């Protein structure tokens, strides 16, 4: 059973399409905007790499991480400075953008700057936030809460769709399995696809060990490649990965961001696998 068996209609953002049997779209970037130069540097490197490999690409980074384990952890640069930096990335590189929103009050400003509004997993049942995101008419990426079964996401998506906006993505990022542990059930991906919306797999947050290091979350980075390969083999429409040029120095999710230097090798394998599963001809 694959996602493709449910043939979700395509959802477009600019010239890119999620679903409808098209190649997977890569959503990638640092977890949080650390500073202007870092954001531009990562975006330029990712744009160059994905263009060379013919991988559809959306740049992601958060202006605020409102769910850090400790109040003392770095949260980001704040909405105004963060959105200004993202706007500069888009102006200079022309790449579509994704960022998180946490409250209905943030939605209007974020929607002006980015192409996709992301609902964090821990907020996926917040009705007012979902409705505000839907009314923005931006594409809305909803991360499945670690506490929800995949079929529960149909009702979450209905809240956004009730605004008349059916430009929705559903993202799997693992399910709680005891304390400080997540597991990825690949059955979740085709179950999510039954909703009729394109499905994305978050390969980096799925290896997180929430709160596993006391004041911060831990992670098992070594499992990112096999889980990404498994999700692409199921036929996902998008792959979400947080990457960083120096993971050990990342200011957020340092245990789970994927090394930028290793991304090309992994992407080459994933592209070949995606073409095989979806019977897509080579772009080269």
Protein backbone atom coordinates (compact mmCIF):
# COMPACT_ATOMS: atom_id res chain seq x y z
CA UNK A 1 0.00 0.00 0.00
CA UNK A 2 1.43 3.39 -1.00
CA UNK A 3 0.39 7.01 -0.82
CA UNK A 4 0.08 7.02 -4.59
CA UNK A 5 -2.74 4.47 -4.51
CA UNK A 6 -4.96 7.23 -3.10
CA UNK A 7 -3.85 9.72 -5.80
CA UNK A 8 -4.30 12.98 -3.89
CA UNK A 9 -4.90 15.91 -6.23
CA UNK A 10 -1.95 18.21 -6.69
CA UNK A 11 -1.53 21.25 -4.46
CA UNK A 12 0.64 23.94 -6.00
CA UNK A 13 2.86 26.65 -4.59
CA UNK A 14 4.39 28.75 -7.31
CA UNK A 15 5.67 26.38 -9.98
CA UNK A 16 5.92 23.43 -7.56
CA UNK A 17 3.28 20.75 -7.07
CA UNK A 18 2.75 18.40 -4.16
CA UNK A 19 0.93 15.21 -5.10
CA UNK A 20 -0.67 14.05 -8.34
CA UNK A 21 2.21 11.63 -8.90
CA UNK A 22 4.85 14.37 -9.16
CA UNK A 23 8.37 14.03 -7.69
CA UNK A 24 8.63 14.71 -3.98
CA UNK A 25 9.17 18.31 -2.90
CA UNK A 26 12.00 18.90 -0.44
CA UNK A 27 11.24 21.29 2.43
CA UNK A 28 14.56 22.02 4.10
CA UNK A 29 16.54 24.56 6.10
CA UNK A 30 17.76 25.29 9.61
CA UNK A 31 15.31 24.75 12.45
CA UNK A 32 15.43 28.40 13.50
CA UNK A 33 16.72 31.61 11.96
CA UNK A 34 19.97 32.19 13.82
CA UNK A 35 21.05 35.36 12.00
CA UNK A 36 20.77 36.95 8.57
CA UNK A 37 24.05 35.65 7.17
CA UNK A 38 23.37 32.09 8.29
CA UNK A 39 19.90 32.11 6.75
CA UNK A 40 21.15 33.40 3.41
CA UNK A 41 24.12 31.05 3.40
CA UNK A 42 21.99 27.96 4.06
CA UNK A 43 19.38 29.04 1.52
CA UNK A 44 21.98 29.64 -1.19
CA UNK A 45 23.61 26.26 -0.58
CA UNK A 46 20.29 24.42 -0.64
CA UNK A 47 19.06 26.25 -3.74
CA UNK A 48 22.28 25.38 -5.57
CA UNK A 49 22.18 21.72 -4.52
CA UNK A 50 18.52 21.12 -5.34
CA UNK A 51 18.79 22.90 -8.68
CA UNK A 52 21.72 20.68 -9.62
CA UNK A 53 19.78 17.54 -8.67
CA UNK A 54 16.45 18.77 -10.14
CA UNK A 55 14.73 18.47 -6.76
CA UNK A 56 11.73 20.79 -6.20
CA UNK A 57 12.66 22.86 -3.16
CA UNK A 58 11.07 25.05 -0.47
CA UNK A 59 13.22 26.82 2.11
CA UNK A 60 12.09 26.61 5.73
CA UNK A 61 13.17 28.25 8.94
CA UNK A 62 11.34 29.55 11.99
CA UNK A 63 11.39 33.09 13.36
CA UNK A 64 10.31 31.70 16.73
CA UNK A 65 10.40 28.28 18.35
CA UNK A 66 7.72 28.55 20.98
CA UNK A 67 8.02 24.96 22.20
CA UNK A 68 11.60 24.76 23.46
CA UNK A 69 12.19 22.43 26.41
CA UNK A 70 13.62 25.24 28.54
CA UNK A 71 12.68 28.91 28.76
CA UNK A 72 16.41 29.65 28.57
CA UNK A 73 16.83 28.02 25.14
CA UNK A 74 17.28 30.15 22.03
CA UNK A 75 13.89 30.75 20.42
CA UNK A 76 14.81 32.81 17.38
CA UNK A 77 14.96 36.44 16.33
CA UNK A 78 11.27 37.25 16.71
CA UNK A 79 8.57 37.73 14.11
CA UNK A 80 9.56 41.10 12.65
CA UNK A 81 13.29 40.52 12.21
CA UNK A 82 12.74 36.91 11.23
CA UNK A 83 10.20 37.70 8.54
CA UNK A 84 12.42 40.48 7.18
CA UNK A 85 15.23 37.97 6.75
CA UNK A 86 12.93 35.46 5.07
CA UNK A 87 11.70 38.19 2.73
CA UNK A 88 15.33 38.90 1.80
CA UNK A 89 15.90 35.21 1.09
CA UNK A 90 12.91 35.19 -1.25
CA UNK A 91 13.90 38.43 -2.93
CA UNK A 92 17.47 37.29 -3.57
CA UNK A 93 16.86 33.65 -4.47
CA UNK A 94 13.23 33.46 -5.61
CA UNK A 95 12.64 30.33 -3.56
CA UNK A 96 9.25 29.55 -1.94
CA UNK A 97 9.27 29.83 1.86
CA UNK A 98 7.72 28.01 4.83
CA UNK A 99 7.63 29.10 8.46
CA UNK A 100 5.74 28.21 11.64
CA UNK A 101 2.90 30.23 13.11
CA UNK A 102 1.86 29.83 16.73
CA UNK A 103 -1.07 32.20 17.30
CA UNK A 104 -3.87 33.59 15.12
CA UNK A 105 -2.36 37.06 15.62
CA UNK A 106 0.83 36.03 13.80
CA UNK A 107 -0.87 34.71 10.68
CA UNK A 108 -1.44 37.92 8.70
CA UNK A 109 2.17 39.10 8.94
CA UNK A 110 3.59 35.65 8.22
CA UNK A 111 1.28 35.17 5.24
CA UNK A 112 2.60 38.39 3.71
CA UNK A 113 6.17 37.08 3.81
CA UNK A 114 5.97 33.33 3.11
CA UNK A 115 4.19 30.89 0.82
CA UNK A 116 3.35 28.14 3.33
CA UNK A 117 2.16 28.53 6.91
CA UNK A 118 3.09 25.59 9.11
CA UNK A 119 1.05 24.53 12.12
CA UNK A 120 3.38 22.93 14.70
CA UNK A 121 2.48 19.44 15.85
CA UNK A 122 1.75 20.52 19.41
CA UNK A 123 -0.78 23.09 18.10
CA UNK A 124 -2.50 20.97 15.47
CA UNK A 125 -5.86 20.97 17.27
CA UNK A 126 -5.96 24.71 18.01
CA UNK A 127 -9.11 25.63 16.13
CA UNK A 128 -8.63 29.41 16.07
CA UNK A 129 -5.11 29.05 14.70
CA UNK A 130 -6.22 26.60 12.01
CA UNK A 131 -9.08 28.86 10.95
CA UNK A 132 -6.84 31.92 10.78
CA UNK A 133 -4.30 30.02 8.69
CA UNK A 134 -7.04 28.81 6.38
CA UNK A 135 -8.45 32.30 5.89
CA UNK A 136 -5.02 33.54 4.81
CA UNK A 137 -5.47 31.48 1.61
CA UNK A 138 -1.85 30.43 1.91
CA UNK A 139 -0.95 26.77 1.61
CA UNK A 140 -1.18 25.31 5.14
CA UNK A 141 1.11 22.50 6.28
CA UNK A 142 -0.28 20.80 9.40
CA UNK A 143 2.08 18.61 11.37
CA UNK A 144 0.37 15.63 12.97
CA UNK A 145 0.54 15.78 16.73
CA UNK A 146 2.62 13.04 18.33
CA UNK A 147 -0.50 12.25 20.35
CA UNK A 148 -2.85 11.71 17.37
CA UNK A 149 -3.68 8.71 15.21
CA UNK A 150 -3.24 9.44 11.49
CA UNK A 151 -6.95 9.18 10.71
CA UNK A 152 -7.62 11.91 13.31
CA UNK A 153 -5.92 14.39 11.00
CA UNK A 154 -8.89 14.33 8.65
CA UNK A 155 -10.86 16.30 11.24
CA UNK A 156 -7.97 18.68 11.77
CA UNK A 157 -7.81 19.36 8.03
CA UNK A 158 -11.58 19.94 7.95
CA UNK A 159 -11.11 22.98 10.18
CA UNK A 160 -8.86 24.63 7.61
CA UNK A 161 -11.03 23.46 4.70
CA UNK A 162 -14.10 24.99 6.36
CA UNK A 163 -12.68 28.42 5.43
CA UNK A 164 -12.84 27.50 1.74
CA UNK A 165 -9.10 26.86 1.62
CA UNK A 166 -8.28 23.29 0.63
CA UNK A 167 -4.60 24.01 -0.04
CA UNK A 168 -3.48 21.70 2.76
CA UNK A 169 -0.54 19.41 3.42
CA UNK A 170 -0.44 16.81 6.20
CA UNK A 171 2.93 15.98 7.75
CA UNK A 172 3.87 12.87 9.71
CA UNK A 173 6.56 13.37 12.37
CA UNK A 174 6.34 10.29 14.55
CA UNK A 175 4.14 9.17 17.41
CA UNK A 176 4.86 9.10 21.13
CA UNK A 177 5.97 5.68 22.30
CA UNK A 178 6.57 5.86 26.01
CA UNK A 179 8.59 8.66 27.55
CA UNK A 180 11.24 10.51 25.50
CA UNK A 181 10.70 8.41 22.42
CA UNK A 182 8.99 8.65 19.04
CA UNK A 183 8.33 5.94 16.47
CA UNK A 184 7.43 6.21 12.80
CA UNK A 185 4.68 3.90 11.62
CA UNK A 186 4.87 3.88 7.83
CA UNK A 187 1.22 2.78 7.69
CA UNK A 188 0.45 6.33 8.78
CA UNK A 189 1.48 7.75 5.41
CA UNK A 190 -1.14 6.04 3.20
CA UNK A 191 -3.70 6.51 5.98
CA UNK A 192 -3.04 10.25 5.89
CA UNK A 193 -3.30 10.17 2.09
CA UNK A 194 -6.86 8.81 2.37
CA UNK A 195 -7.83 12.32 3.46
CA UNK A 196 -7.30 13.48 -0.11
CA UNK A 197 -4.47 15.84 0.83
CA UNK A 198 -0.80 15.47 -0.10
CA UNK A 199 1.42 13.88 2.53
CA UNK A 200 4.82 15.02 3.76
CA UNK A 201 7.22 13.05 5.94
CA UNK A 202 9.37 14.88 8.50
CA UNK A 203 12.53 12.79 8.58
CA UNK A 204 14.35 14.83 11.21
CA UNK A 205 11.77 15.47 13.94
CA UNK A 206 10.77 11.83 13.68
CA UNK A 207 14.10 10.82 15.23
CA UNK A 208 13.75 13.27 18.11
CA UNK A 209 13.82 12.13 21.73
CA UNK A 210 11.52 14.79 23.23
CA UNK A 211 12.99 16.20 26.43
CA UNK A 212 15.53 13.39 26.34
CA UNK A 213 18.38 15.59 27.56
CA UNK A 214 16.58 17.36 30.36
CA UNK A 215 16.62 21.00 29.29
CA UNK A 216 16.63 20.01 25.62
CA UNK A 217 15.47 17.25 23.31
CA UNK A 218 17.82 14.55 22.19
CA UNK A 219 17.78 12.62 18.96
CA UNK A 220 19.09 9.74 16.90
CA UNK A 221 20.43 11.36 13.74
CA UNK A 222 21.73 8.07 12.37
CA UNK A 223 18.16 6.95 11.64
CA UNK A 224 17.30 9.91 9.39
CA UNK A 225 18.52 8.27 6.14
CA UNK A 226 16.73 4.93 6.58
CA UNK A 227 13.48 6.59 7.61
CA UNK A 228 13.67 9.05 4.71
CA UNK A 229 14.25 6.16 2.30
CA UNK A 230 11.31 4.25 3.77
CA UNK A 231 8.97 7.24 3.43
CA UNK A 232 9.99 7.92 -0.16
CA UNK A 233 9.47 4.22 -0.92
CA UNK A 234 5.90 4.58 0.35
CA UNK A 235 5.42 7.41 -2.14
CA UNK A 236 5.20 10.59 -0.09
CA UNK A 237 4.55 13.89 -1.85
CA UNK A 238 7.06 15.86 0.20
CA UNK A 239 10.04 15.34 2.48
CA UNK A 240 10.74 17.72 5.38
CA UNK A 241 14.30 17.89 6.69
CA UNK A 242 16.01 20.36 8.97
CA UNK A 243 19.63 20.77 7.92
CA UNK A 244 22.59 22.73 9.23
CA UNK A 245 26.15 23.32 8.08
CA UNK A 246 27.44 22.60 11.60
CA UNK A 247 24.85 20.50 13.47
CA UNK A 248 26.78 20.50 16.74
CA UNK A 249 26.61 24.32 16.76
CA UNK A 250 22.96 24.64 15.74
CA UNK A 251 20.99 26.78 18.18
CA UNK A 252 17.91 24.54 17.98
CA UNK A 253 17.48 20.77 17.50
CA UNK A 254 21.23 20.21 17.25
CA UNK A 255 20.73 16.48 17.91
CA UNK A 256 18.45 15.97 14.91
CA UNK A 257 19.37 18.47 12.19
CA UNK A 258 20.99 16.70 9.25
CA UNK A 259 24.49 17.73 8.16
CA UNK A 260 24.34 19.88 5.03
CA UNK A 261 27.53 18.25 3.76
CA UNK A 262 25.83 14.81 3.71
CA UNK A 263 22.60 15.92 2.06
CA UNK A 264 23.64 15.50 -1.58
CA UNK A 265 24.46 11.84 -1.22
CA UNK A 266 21.17 11.11 0.52
CA UNK A 267 19.14 13.15 -1.98
CA UNK A 268 20.64 11.28 -4.92
CA UNK A 269 19.43 8.00 -3.44
CA UNK A 270 16.00 9.45 -2.61
CA UNK A 271 15.54 10.88 -6.10
CA UNK A 272 16.32 7.52 -7.70
CA UNK A 273 13.95 5.76 -5.32
CA UNK A 274 11.18 8.30 -5.92
CA UNK A 275 11.45 7.89 -9.70
CA UNK A 276 11.24 4.14 -9.34
CA UNK A 277 8.19 4.23 -7.08
CA UNK A 278 6.30 6.87 -9.07
CA UNK A 279 7.59 5.82 -12.49
CA UNK A 280 8.80 9.36 -13.14
CA UNK A 281 11.33 9.84 -15.95
CA UNK A 282 14.72 11.36 -15.16
CA UNK A 283 14.89 15.16 -15.32
CA UNK A 284 18.55 15.14 -16.42
